[in-house]
Amino acid sequence: MIKTATFAVVHFSVAFTVTYLLTGSWVLGGVIALTEPAVNTVAYFFHEKAWECFKRRQSRVTERPGNGAMV
């Protein structure tokens, strides 16, 4: 859990710093630093769901007779 917490601090710091350097705004840096990880977390959830679906489909194709699978 400590590794996760330290990574979150790094992530927030990078998001804030990049935004601040690009815009010069402390407020915008803070907003982006808080918003971006939240959006990324939701995107990661859907990415994992799509990946699971892809893997299931791939395994069904591989298991069919005539596709090189041993029967």
Foldseek 3Di string as FASTA:
>chain_A
DVVVVVVLVVQLVVQLVVVCVVPVDNVVSNVRSVPVVVVVVVVVVVVVVVVVVVVVVVVVQCCDPPNPDDD
